[in-house]
Amino acid sequence: MPDAPIGEFDYVVVGGGTAGAVVAARLSEDPAVTVCLLEAGPSDVDDPNVLRLDRWMGLLESGYDWDYPVEPQESGNSFMRHARARVLGGCSSHNSCIAFWAPAEDLDEWAEMGCTGWSAADCFPLFQRLETNDAPGGHHGRNGPVILRTVPPKDPCGVALLEACADSGIPTTPFNTGKTVIRGANWFQINCRPDGTRSSASVSYLHPVMGNRSNLDVRTGVQARRLRLDDSRRCTGVDYLSPDLIHTRTVRARREVIVSCGAIDTPKLLMLSGIGPAHHLRTVGIETLVDSPGVGTNLQDHPEGVIMWDAKQPMVSTSTQWWEIGIFADTEAGLDRPDLMFHYGSVPFDMNTYRHGYPTSENAFCLTPNVTRARSLGTVRLRTRDFRDKPKVDPRYFTHEHDVRVMTYGLRLAREIIAQPPMASWAGTELAPGPDVRSDAELLDYIRATHNTVYHPACTVHMGAPDDPAAPLDPQLRVKGVTGLRVADGSAMPFLTTVNPCITTMMIGEKCADMIRGGE
């Protein structure tokens, strides 16, 4: 074997994704500490396949994607797959870069659930710190590493859509103002540079310092096998498969290990290491070191439907990322947050409809209603004790009637919007589900067969009050039952944010680094 790399650091961050890249970059700002970042995927440096935001859809089911199938669904689309990024920057290197601050109501509810220190008043300054935002408002950051900009209104079909929304009682309303949009629509903000390069966590936090900080060691192409715990249940390091794909190496942490592998792979790594539900670990032959029933439970997501129209006029041939408008709505009175959201796509989206016989077109547009506060909860479980095997991901989509009701409402609202006069010169034939699909039963059959996801799995190692036995993490993101181990990624959310969670996940990385540096 070649000479072994350095084997001990102050901090080891496992997963160079949306939060992990932030944690590693922020901790290594202190020249007195050393940081090792382990990422299973390749680097994104100088890789246009990853860096060009307008190419993001080509990353799905590619070599940059862990491409996790879901377990057979009793009420949902069993053909569906969860895209999880296998590249430096994680899903921020893989997604459409839709950029939202989390609603204040979400964060305040986190705090009310026992996550002390996570209220809007605590977290909004972190959003401000991480961004350089072109939107008006004194609350916005102007000097942060992540470039947030508002999509320019260059798509004429999108312009007409916003007019149609207004005619349907959904006004054009700016996003990220600090006030939650319950019923409104607009062009998204995206974390993307003006030249079309995604402002991912890796581009924003790591690229400027990689090679310039002797105390930061970024290792790509290395997959974690398990966490090392000593007899006192202190996490002392990580075993990982070396780039030769044969030998196992160990990197030790003098102070802490931070796991940032995402909502599917973080619970997987904890369970492989003996931290998880004891009854499940026994079934796959893993010794239980910490019986933590909440690991791998509480899986939440934004399930997404689709309704698509053939376009009467040529659709745009260039775009920032092809999904440039968001629409929020409330399906019942008295809500403080929207329970329904749409993404507007200026492209056909037949990933889950064509195989079922629905017609398609290469010149089409669509609306994709999603349930922002879905109540169907799923699980992540080990398939075997082998770290190379994909875990069992069971989202249990549409097993709660609330999600069915909101999605059905969304399909009907989409038709109402597109029926307004501003869309008359754009909307041709409804391709899927088609104008003859009208009843609740017909719409439900269509939803269950063809729905997708907005690729927002979360909450599988959620934080909660220190005395909450269901929460694997305390409010400082520390794994209960062990020392020297934290989790910082979307799995730590107590419930999934109402909006696209990428920027919130970066904020979690910022807060994790602050807590570590502050001795919390």
Protein backbone atom coordinates (compact mmCIF):
# COMPACT_ATOMS: atom_id res chain seq x y z
CA MET A 1 0.00 0.00 0.00
CA PRO A 2 1.14 3.60 -0.52
CA ASP A 3 2.03 5.70 2.47
CA ALA A 4 -0.96 6.21 4.72
CA PRO A 5 -2.43 9.71 4.85
CA ILE A 6 -2.49 11.66 8.10
CA GLY A 7 -4.53 9.66 10.55
CA GLU A 8 -5.54 12.11 13.29
CA PHE A 9 -7.26 15.49 13.33
CA ASP A 10 -9.12 17.62 15.82
CA TYR A 11 -12.36 17.25 13.87
CA VAL A 12 -13.53 14.73 11.30
CA VAL A 13 -16.53 15.63 9.15
CA VAL A 14 -18.13 12.66 7.40
CA GLY A 15 -19.91 13.82 4.25
CA GLY A 16 -18.95 16.86 2.20
CA GLY A 17 -22.51 17.81 1.36
CA THR A 18 -24.82 20.77 1.88
CA ALA A 19 -24.09 21.04 5.61
CA GLY A 20 -20.81 19.12 5.87
CA ALA A 21 -18.98 21.46 3.51
CA VAL A 22 -20.11 24.39 5.67
CA VAL A 23 -19.02 22.75 8.92
CA ALA A 24 -15.57 21.84 7.58
CA ALA A 25 -14.98 25.28 6.10
CA ARG A 26 -16.10 27.17 9.18
CA LEU A 27 -14.20 25.01 11.69
CA SER A 28 -11.00 25.28 9.64
CA GLU A 29 -11.17 29.07 9.77
CA ASP A 30 -9.35 28.63 13.09
CA PRO A 31 -5.72 27.89 12.17
CA ALA A 32 -5.20 26.32 15.59
CA VAL A 33 -7.40 23.31 14.76
CA THR A 34 -7.17 20.61 12.09
CA VAL A 35 -10.11 19.30 10.09
CA CYS A 36 -10.52 16.28 7.84
CA LEU A 37 -13.49 16.10 5.48
CA LEU A 38 -14.44 12.69 4.05
CA GLU A 39 -16.63 12.55 0.92
CA ALA A 40 -17.62 9.33 -0.82
CA GLY A 41 -18.14 10.98 -4.19
CA PRO A 42 -15.72 12.76 -6.50
CA SER A 43 -14.72 16.40 -6.36
CA ASP A 44 -16.84 18.91 -8.27
CA VAL A 45 -13.90 21.22 -8.96
CA ASP A 46 -13.75 22.11 -12.67
CA ASP A 47 -16.54 19.64 -13.48
CA PRO A 48 -19.11 21.37 -15.73
CA ASN A 49 -21.50 18.42 -15.41
CA VAL A 50 -22.00 19.48 -11.81
CA LEU A 51 -21.22 23.18 -11.82
CA ARG A 52 -23.55 24.22 -14.68
CA LEU A 53 -26.92 24.66 -13.01
CA ASP A 54 -28.91 24.41 -16.24
CA ARG A 55 -27.65 20.81 -16.60
CA TRP A 56 -28.95 19.64 -13.21
CA MET A 57 -31.59 17.25 -14.56
CA GLY A 58 -28.85 15.22 -16.24
CA LEU A 59 -27.44 14.35 -12.81
CA LEU A 60 -30.50 12.25 -11.89
CA GLU A 61 -29.72 8.52 -12.00
CA SER A 62 -26.16 9.32 -13.13
CA GLY A 63 -22.82 8.37 -11.63
CA TYR A 64 -23.19 11.37 -9.33
CA ASP A 65 -26.35 9.89 -7.79
CA TRP A 66 -26.68 7.20 -5.12
CA ASP A 67 -30.04 6.56 -6.81
CA TYR A 68 -31.93 4.91 -3.96
CA PRO A 69 -35.05 2.95 -4.89
CA VAL A 70 -37.98 3.04 -2.49
CA GLU A 71 -39.47 -0.04 -0.94
CA PRO A 72 -42.80 -1.20 -2.44
CA GLN A 73 -45.40 1.43 -1.54
CA GLU A 74 -48.87 0.45 -0.39
CA SER A 75 -50.31 3.83 -1.41
CA GLY A 76 -47.68 5.41 -3.64
CA ASN A 77 -45.38 5.03 -6.61
CA SER A 78 -43.16 2.00 -6.00
CA PHE A 79 -41.13 2.81 -9.10
CA MET A 80 -39.89 6.05 -7.57
CA ARG A 81 -36.26 6.67 -6.72
CA HIS A 82 -34.60 9.06 -4.30
CA ALA A 83 -31.79 11.04 -5.88
CA ARG A 84 -29.05 11.58 -3.32
CA ALA A 85 -25.90 13.28 -4.51
CA ARG A 86 -22.62 11.40 -4.71
CA VAL A 87 -20.29 14.36 -5.19
CA LEU A 88 -18.60 17.08 -3.17
CA GLY A 89 -21.25 19.61 -2.21
CA GLY A 90 -23.89 16.90 -1.82
CA CYS A 91 -27.37 17.73 -2.95
CA SER A 92 -26.47 21.40 -3.29
CA SER A 93 -24.29 20.18 -6.20
CA HIS A 94 -27.15 18.10 -7.59
CA ASN A 95 -30.39 20.05 -7.16
CA SER A 96 -32.10 22.97 -8.89
CA CYS A 97 -30.76 25.49 -6.34
CA ILE A 98 -34.13 26.93 -5.31
CA ALA A 99 -33.23 29.16 -2.37
CA PHE A 100 -35.50 29.89 0.59
CA TRP A 101 -35.07 31.09 4.10
CA ALA A 102 -37.10 28.79 6.34
CA PRO A 103 -40.37 30.36 7.49
CA ALA A 104 -40.16 31.93 10.93
CA GLU A 105 -43.14 29.80 11.96
CA ASP A 106 -41.21 26.61 11.17
CA LEU A 107 -38.18 27.61 13.21
CA ASP A 108 -40.24 28.89 16.12
CA GLU A 109 -42.10 25.59 16.17
CA TRP A 110 -38.77 23.76 16.24
CA ALA A 111 -37.90 25.74 19.36
CA GLU A 112 -41.30 25.05 20.91
CA MET A 113 -40.70 21.32 20.35
CA GLY A 114 -37.67 21.48 22.64
CA CYS A 115 -34.97 22.54 20.18
CA THR A 116 -33.70 25.42 22.29
CA GLY A 117 -31.67 27.91 20.27
CA TRP A 118 -33.37 27.19 16.94
CA SER A 119 -36.04 29.88 16.88
CA ALA A 120 -36.31 32.36 14.01
CA ALA A 121 -34.62 34.98 16.16
CA ASP A 122 -31.71 32.56 16.66
CA CYS A 123 -31.47 31.36 13.05
CA PHE A 124 -32.32 34.32 10.84
CA PRO A 125 -28.91 35.96 11.53
CA LEU A 126 -27.28 32.78 10.19
CA PHE A 127 -29.24 32.99 6.92
CA GLN A 128 -28.10 36.60 6.70
CA ARG A 129 -24.49 35.62 7.34
CA LEU A 130 -24.34 32.91 4.71
CA GLU A 131 -25.84 34.88 1.81
CA THR A 132 -25.04 37.61 -0.66
CA ASN A 133 -28.57 38.42 -1.81
CA ASP A 134 -29.68 40.73 -4.61
CA ALA A 135 -33.22 41.18 -3.22
CA PRO A 136 -34.21 44.37 -1.40
CA GLY A 137 -34.54 44.46 2.37
CA GLY A 138 -32.39 45.39 5.30
CA HIS A 139 -32.58 41.84 6.65
CA HIS A 140 -30.60 40.37 3.75
CA GLY A 141 -26.91 39.53 3.84
CA ARG A 142 -24.67 41.22 1.30
CA ASN A 143 -21.28 39.65 2.04
CA GLY A 144 -21.86 35.94 2.61
CA PRO A 145 -20.32 33.08 0.63
CA VAL A 146 -23.59 31.91 -1.00
CA ILE A 147 -24.86 33.97 -3.94
CA LEU A 148 -28.66 34.26 -3.91
CA ARG A 149 -30.28 36.03 -6.82
CA THR A 150 -33.78 36.41 -8.17
CA VAL A 151 -34.60 34.60 -11.40
CA PRO A 152 -35.01 37.15 -14.23
CA PRO A 153 -38.48 37.14 -15.85
CA LYS A 154 -37.35 35.98 -19.30
CA ASP A 155 -39.84 33.13 -19.84
CA PRO A 156 -43.01 34.50 -21.51
CA CYS A 157 -45.05 31.46 -20.50
CA GLY A 158 -43.96 32.05 -16.93
CA VAL A 159 -44.97 35.71 -17.16
CA ALA A 160 -48.41 34.62 -18.36
CA LEU A 161 -48.62 32.04 -15.57
CA LEU A 162 -48.12 34.69 -12.88
CA GLU A 163 -50.89 36.76 -14.47
CA ALA A 164 -53.13 33.68 -14.42
CA CYS A 165 -52.30 33.07 -10.78
CA ALA A 166 -53.33 36.63 -9.95
CA ASP A 167 -56.62 36.09 -11.79
CA SER A 168 -57.12 33.00 -9.58
CA GLY A 169 -56.62 34.96 -6.37
CA ILE A 170 -52.94 34.13 -5.95
CA PRO A 171 -51.10 37.46 -6.11
CA THR A 172 -47.54 38.01 -7.28
CA THR A 173 -45.65 38.21 -4.00
CA PRO A 174 -41.89 38.47 -3.36
CA PHE A 175 -40.15 35.60 -1.57
CA ASN A 176 -37.56 35.74 1.22
CA THR A 177 -38.85 39.00 2.65
CA GLY A 178 -38.97 37.63 6.20
CA LYS A 179 -42.75 37.23 5.98
CA THR A 180 -44.17 33.81 5.14
CA VAL A 181 -46.07 33.65 1.86
CA ILE A 182 -49.27 31.70 2.49
CA ARG A 183 -50.92 32.46 -0.84
CA GLY A 184 -48.70 33.96 -3.52
CA ALA A 185 -46.51 33.26 -6.54
CA ASN A 186 -43.31 34.60 -8.04
CA TRP A 187 -40.01 33.87 -9.70
CA PHE A 188 -37.76 31.92 -7.35
CA GLN A 189 -34.57 33.03 -5.78
CA ILE A 190 -31.76 30.61 -6.62
CA ASN A 191 -28.28 30.06 -5.21
CA CYS A 192 -26.48 30.54 -8.50
CA ARG A 193 -23.81 32.88 -9.78
CA PRO A 194 -24.64 35.23 -12.65
CA ASP A 195 -22.57 33.09 -15.06
CA GLY A 196 -24.78 30.05 -14.39
CA THR A 197 -22.43 28.32 -11.94
CA ARG A 198 -24.33 26.87 -9.00
CA SER A 199 -23.47 28.52 -5.69
CA SER A 200 -23.44 25.17 -3.92
CA ALA A 201 -22.00 24.55 -0.48
CA SER A 202 -18.79 23.28 -2.05
CA VAL A 203 -18.45 26.14 -4.54
CA SER A 204 -19.30 28.72 -1.88
CA TYR A 205 -17.43 27.40 1.15
CA LEU A 206 -14.77 24.92 0.03
CA HIS A 207 -13.49 25.98 -3.38
CA PRO A 208 -12.04 29.27 -2.12
CA VAL A 209 -10.01 27.56 0.60
CA MET A 210 -9.13 24.09 -0.74
CA GLY A 211 -5.37 23.96 -1.11
CA ASN A 212 -4.98 27.24 0.77
CA ARG A 213 -5.52 25.95 4.30
CA SER A 214 -2.92 23.53 5.57
CA ASN A 215 -5.25 22.61 8.44
CA LEU A 216 -8.05 21.37 6.10
CA ASP A 217 -7.73 17.97 4.42
CA VAL A 218 -10.53 17.24 1.92
CA ARG A 219 -10.58 13.59 0.89
CA THR A 220 -12.90 12.54 -1.93
CA GLY A 221 -13.73 9.07 -3.19
CA VAL A 222 -13.70 7.63 0.35
CA GLN A 223 -16.82 5.98 1.74
CA ALA A 224 -17.32 5.68 5.49
CA ARG A 225 -17.77 2.12 6.74
CA ARG A 226 -18.50 2.78 10.39
CA LEU A 227 -17.85 5.12 13.29
CA ARG A 228 -15.38 4.03 15.95
CA LEU A 229 -16.58 4.13 19.57
CA ASP A 230 -14.35 3.31 22.52
CA ASP A 231 -15.38 1.48 25.70
CA SER A 232 -16.72 4.69 27.22
CA ARG A 233 -18.93 5.25 24.16
CA ARG A 234 -16.88 8.14 22.91
CA CYS A 235 -16.67 8.47 19.14
CA THR A 236 -12.97 8.45 18.37
CA GLY A 237 -12.92 8.33 14.59
CA VAL A 238 -14.13 6.81 11.36
CA ASP A 239 -13.24 3.75 9.32
CA TYR A 240 -13.48 4.35 5.59
CA LEU A 241 -12.83 2.52 2.36
CA SER A 242 -9.75 3.95 0.72
CA PRO A 243 -9.77 5.06 -2.94
CA ASP A 244 -8.19 1.74 -3.95
CA LEU A 245 -11.57 0.18 -3.01
CA ILE A 246 -9.80 -2.60 -1.12
CA HIS A 247 -8.24 -1.34 2.09
CA THR A 248 -9.87 0.20 5.12
CA ARG A 249 -8.25 3.18 6.75
CA THR A 250 -9.05 4.93 10.01
CA VAL A 251 -9.01 8.62 10.68
CA ARG A 252 -9.16 9.60 14.34
CA ALA A 253 -10.74 12.67 15.89
CA ARG A 254 -9.17 14.24 18.95
CA ARG A 255 -12.25 16.36 19.65
CA GLU A 256 -15.35 15.43 17.65
CA VAL A 257 -16.79 13.61 14.66
CA ILE A 258 -19.59 15.36 12.77
CA VAL A 259 -21.75 13.17 10.52
CA SER A 260 -23.23 15.02 7.55
CA CYS A 261 -24.19 12.24 5.16
CA GLY A 262 -27.81 13.27 4.60
CA ALA A 263 -31.20 11.98 5.63
CA ILE A 264 -30.65 8.51 4.16
CA ASP A 265 -26.96 7.85 4.70
CA THR A 266 -26.59 9.45 8.13
CA PRO A 267 -29.00 7.00 9.82
CA LYS A 268 -27.42 4.23 7.78
CA LEU A 269 -23.94 5.05 9.11
CA LEU A 270 -25.18 5.37 12.69
CA MET A 271 -26.92 2.01 12.49
CA LEU A 272 -23.88 0.34 10.90
CA SER A 273 -21.96 1.66 13.92
CA GLY A 274 -24.36 0.16 16.48
CA ILE A 275 -26.44 3.32 17.14
CA GLY A 276 -30.09 2.75 16.35
CA PRO A 277 -33.18 0.67 17.14
CA ALA A 278 -31.89 -2.42 18.97
CA HIS A 279 -34.54 -4.73 17.55
CA HIS A 280 -33.63 -3.74 13.99
CA LEU A 281 -29.88 -3.96 14.54
CA ARG A 282 -30.29 -7.50 15.86
CA THR A 283 -32.07 -8.55 12.66
CA VAL A 284 -29.02 -7.63 10.56
CA GLY A 285 -26.43 -8.96 13.01
CA ILE A 286 -25.07 -5.68 14.39
CA GLU A 287 -24.23 -5.32 18.07
CA THR A 288 -26.24 -2.55 19.68
CA LEU A 289 -24.01 -0.01 21.40
CA VAL A 290 -26.72 2.64 21.86
CA ASP A 291 -30.39 1.70 21.63
CA SER A 292 -31.78 4.78 19.87
CA PRO A 293 -35.22 3.96 18.45
CA GLY A 294 -35.51 7.31 16.66
CA VAL A 295 -32.60 6.67 14.29
CA GLY A 296 -34.02 6.01 10.84
CA THR A 297 -37.61 6.83 11.81
CA ASN A 298 -39.69 9.98 11.21
CA LEU A 299 -38.70 10.12 7.50
CA GLN A 300 -40.46 13.12 5.98
CA ASP A 301 -40.54 14.42 2.43
CA HIS A 302 -42.39 16.68 0.02
CA PRO A 303 -44.35 14.30 -2.23
CA GLU A 304 -44.93 15.80 -5.65
CA GLY A 305 -47.54 15.29 -8.34
CA VAL A 306 -47.48 16.52 -11.91
CA ILE A 307 -49.99 17.97 -14.35
CA MET A 308 -48.70 18.75 -17.85
CA TRP A 309 -49.91 20.60 -20.93
CA ASP A 310 -48.77 20.63 -24.51
CA ALA A 311 -47.67 24.18 -25.35
CA LYS A 312 -49.25 26.11 -28.23
CA GLN A 313 -46.14 28.25 -28.67
CA PRO A 314 -42.45 27.33 -28.56
CA MET A 315 -41.22 27.15 -25.00
CA VAL A 316 -37.97 28.82 -23.95
CA SER A 317 -34.76 27.21 -25.16
CA THR A 318 -32.57 28.58 -22.35
CA SER A 319 -33.21 28.90 -18.62
CA THR A 320 -31.42 29.32 -15.33
CA GLN A 321 -32.62 25.86 -14.24
CA TRP A 322 -36.00 25.22 -15.98
CA TRP A 323 -38.09 25.38 -12.77
CA GLU A 324 -38.18 29.10 -12.15
CA ILE A 325 -41.54 29.91 -10.52
CA GLY A 326 -43.11 28.87 -7.23
CA ILE A 327 -46.77 29.07 -6.24
CA PHE A 328 -47.97 28.78 -2.64
CA ALA A 329 -51.55 28.18 -1.56
CA ASP A 330 -53.61 27.25 1.48
CA THR A 331 -56.25 24.56 1.10
CA GLU A 332 -58.20 25.56 4.20
CA ALA A 333 -58.74 28.71 6.22
CA GLY A 334 -56.66 29.77 9.20
CA LEU A 335 -53.26 28.37 8.25
CA ASP A 336 -50.12 30.28 9.23
CA ARG A 337 -48.10 28.48 6.53
CA PRO A 338 -49.05 27.21 3.07
CA ASP A 339 -49.91 23.52 2.91
CA LEU A 340 -49.58 23.37 -0.89
CA MET A 341 -46.79 24.48 -3.21
CA PHE A 342 -46.26 24.23 -6.96
CA HIS A 343 -43.11 24.35 -9.02
CA TYR A 344 -43.62 25.52 -12.60
CA GLY A 345 -41.48 23.73 -15.17
CA SER A 346 -40.90 25.15 -18.64
CA VAL A 347 -40.05 21.63 -19.81
CA PRO A 348 -41.97 18.35 -20.09
CA PHE A 349 -41.86 16.18 -16.98
CA ASP A 350 -42.91 12.68 -17.98
CA MET A 351 -40.51 10.73 -15.74
CA ASN A 352 -43.39 8.92 -14.05
CA THR A 353 -46.24 9.34 -16.55
CA TYR A 354 -44.95 8.07 -19.89
CA ARG A 355 -44.51 4.48 -18.72
CA HIS A 356 -48.16 4.43 -17.73
CA GLY A 357 -49.32 5.36 -21.22
CA TYR A 358 -49.91 9.07 -20.80
CA PRO A 359 -48.99 11.11 -23.89
CA THR A 360 -45.99 13.40 -23.84
CA SER A 361 -44.48 16.22 -25.85
CA GLU A 362 -41.09 17.81 -26.31
CA ASN A 363 -42.71 21.25 -26.16
CA ALA A 364 -44.68 21.28 -22.92
CA PHE A 365 -44.94 22.91 -19.53
CA CYS A 366 -46.13 21.58 -16.21
CA LEU A 367 -47.10 22.37 -12.65
CA THR A 368 -45.97 20.03 -9.88
CA PRO A 369 -48.11 20.34 -6.74
CA ASN A 370 -46.42 19.18 -3.57
CA VAL A 371 -47.59 18.70 0.01
CA THR A 372 -45.53 21.08 2.11
CA ARG A 373 -46.43 19.59 5.50
CA ALA A 374 -46.92 15.94 4.61
CA ARG A 375 -48.12 13.74 7.46
CA SER A 376 -47.10 10.37 6.01
CA LEU A 377 -43.99 9.26 7.91
CA GLY A 378 -41.51 6.66 6.72
CA THR A 379 -38.32 4.88 7.71
CA VAL A 380 -34.75 4.20 6.67
CA ARG A 381 -33.47 0.76 7.61
CA LEU A 382 -30.41 -1.33 6.84
CA ARG A 383 -30.75 -3.96 4.17
CA THR A 384 -27.77 -5.88 5.53
CA ARG A 385 -24.78 -5.22 7.75
CA ASP A 386 -22.66 -4.51 4.62
CA PHE A 387 -21.94 -0.80 4.23
CA ARG A 388 -21.88 -1.22 0.43
CA ASP A 389 -25.54 -2.26 0.28
CA LYS A 390 -28.22 0.35 -0.33
CA PRO A 391 -30.50 0.86 2.66
CA LYS A 392 -34.23 0.23 2.68
CA VAL A 393 -36.00 3.56 2.11
CA ASP A 394 -39.72 3.38 2.83
CA PRO A 395 -41.37 6.83 2.68
CA ARG A 396 -44.91 5.37 3.01
CA TYR A 397 -46.24 8.02 0.65
CA PHE A 398 -49.94 8.93 0.84
CA THR A 399 -50.64 6.71 3.82
CA HIS A 400 -52.16 9.74 5.55
CA GLU A 401 -55.43 11.12 4.22
CA HIS A 402 -54.22 14.72 4.65
CA ASP A 403 -51.61 14.25 1.93
CA VAL A 404 -54.16 12.77 -0.46
CA ARG A 405 -56.55 15.67 0.13
CA VAL A 406 -53.91 18.38 -0.40
CA MET A 407 -52.52 16.77 -3.55
CA THR A 408 -55.98 16.29 -5.07
CA TYR A 409 -56.77 19.92 -4.28
CA GLY A 410 -53.52 20.89 -5.97
CA LEU A 411 -54.34 19.18 -9.25
CA ARG A 412 -57.71 20.92 -9.39
CA LEU A 413 -56.20 24.30 -8.49
CA ALA A 414 -53.61 23.86 -11.24
CA ARG A 415 -56.40 23.39 -13.77
CA GLU A 416 -58.15 26.48 -12.45
CA ILE A 417 -54.99 28.56 -12.87
CA ILE A 418 -54.27 27.34 -16.38
CA ALA A 419 -57.90 27.96 -17.41
CA GLN A 420 -57.49 31.70 -16.83
CA PRO A 421 -57.33 33.99 -19.91
CA PRO A 422 -53.57 34.81 -19.68
CA MET A 423 -52.76 31.14 -20.38
CA ALA A 424 -55.13 30.76 -23.35
CA SER A 425 -52.35 31.33 -25.88
CA TRP A 426 -50.06 28.84 -24.15
CA ALA A 427 -52.09 25.91 -22.84
CA GLY A 428 -52.89 23.25 -25.39
CA THR A 429 -54.02 19.72 -24.62
CA GLU A 430 -53.70 18.53 -21.03
CA LEU A 431 -51.37 15.56 -21.47
CA ALA A 432 -51.40 14.12 -17.96
CA PRO A 433 -53.59 13.18 -16.26
CA GLY A 434 -55.83 14.41 -19.09
CA PRO A 435 -59.10 16.35 -19.02
CA ASP A 436 -61.25 13.25 -18.54
CA VAL A 437 -59.66 12.42 -15.17
CA ARG A 438 -61.98 14.33 -12.84
CA SER A 439 -63.30 12.39 -9.84
CA ASP A 440 -61.51 12.03 -6.51
CA ALA A 441 -61.03 8.30 -7.17
CA GLU A 442 -59.59 8.88 -10.64
CA LEU A 443 -57.26 11.61 -9.44
CA LEU A 444 -56.09 9.47 -6.54
CA ASP A 445 -55.32 6.54 -8.83
CA TYR A 446 -53.29 8.88 -11.03
CA ILE A 447 -51.45 10.40 -8.06
CA ARG A 448 -50.50 7.04 -6.58
CA ALA A 449 -49.22 5.70 -9.88
CA THR A 450 -47.29 8.71 -11.13
CA HIS A 451 -46.23 10.92 -8.23
CA ASN A 452 -42.63 11.82 -7.65
CA THR A 453 -40.79 13.64 -4.88
CA VAL A 454 -39.16 17.05 -4.65
CA TYR A 455 -36.17 15.06 -3.32
CA HIS A 456 -36.38 16.51 0.19
CA PRO A 457 -36.01 13.55 2.59
CA ALA A 458 -35.36 14.78 6.12
CA CYS A 459 -35.83 14.25 9.87
CA THR A 460 -34.47 10.70 10.18
CA VAL A 461 -32.09 11.56 13.07
CA HIS A 462 -34.06 14.46 14.42
CA MET A 463 -33.15 16.72 17.30
CA GLY A 464 -35.38 17.40 20.26
CA ALA A 465 -35.35 18.19 23.94
CA PRO A 466 -32.56 16.50 25.93
CA ASP A 467 -35.16 14.39 27.77
CA ASP A 468 -37.14 13.43 24.65
CA PRO A 469 -36.58 9.68 24.21
CA ALA A 470 -37.82 9.76 20.60
CA ALA A 471 -35.21 12.32 19.49
CA PRO A 472 -31.73 10.86 18.76
CA LEU A 473 -30.12 14.33 18.97
CA ASP A 474 -30.18 17.07 21.57
CA PRO A 475 -30.54 20.74 20.53
CA GLN A 476 -26.76 21.01 20.15
CA LEU A 477 -26.95 18.25 17.48
CA ARG A 478 -25.12 15.84 19.79
CA VAL A 479 -25.99 12.17 19.47
CA LYS A 480 -27.54 11.03 22.72
CA GLY A 481 -25.86 8.12 24.46
CA VAL A 482 -22.38 8.85 23.14
CA THR A 483 -19.88 11.69 23.36
CA GLY A 484 -17.79 13.34 20.69
CA LEU A 485 -20.41 12.82 17.97
CA ARG A 486 -22.82 15.22 16.27
CA VAL A 487 -25.07 15.17 13.23
CA ALA A 488 -25.40 18.22 10.97
CA ASP A 489 -27.60 17.81 7.90
CA GLY A 490 -31.26 17.60 6.92
CA SER A 491 -31.75 14.46 9.00
CA ALA A 492 -31.48 16.63 12.13
CA MET A 493 -34.61 18.66 11.39
CA PRO A 494 -37.44 17.92 13.85
CA PHE A 495 -39.85 18.36 10.96
CA LEU A 496 -39.28 19.26 7.34
CA THR A 497 -39.43 22.93 6.46
CA THR A 498 -42.45 24.11 4.50
CA VAL A 499 -40.17 25.31 1.68
CA ASN A 500 -37.25 23.83 -0.25
CA PRO A 501 -34.73 23.03 2.51
CA CYS A 502 -31.29 23.47 0.88
CA ILE A 503 -30.44 26.88 2.34
CA THR A 504 -31.82 25.81 5.73
CA THR A 505 -29.46 22.83 5.64
CA MET A 506 -26.55 25.19 5.01
CA MET A 507 -27.79 27.20 7.99
CA ILE A 508 -27.69 24.02 10.10
CA GLY A 509 -24.04 23.67 9.12
CA GLU A 510 -23.36 27.26 10.15
CA LYS A 511 -25.05 26.74 13.52
CA CYS A 512 -23.28 23.46 14.15
CA ALA A 513 -19.89 25.11 13.61
CA ASP A 514 -20.89 27.99 15.89
CA MET A 515 -21.91 25.61 18.67
CA ILE A 516 -18.68 23.64 18.41
CA ARG A 517 -16.53 26.76 18.41
CA GLY A 518 -18.54 28.14 21.30
CA GLY A 519 -18.00 25.04 23.41
CA GLU A 520 -21.67 24.02 23.44
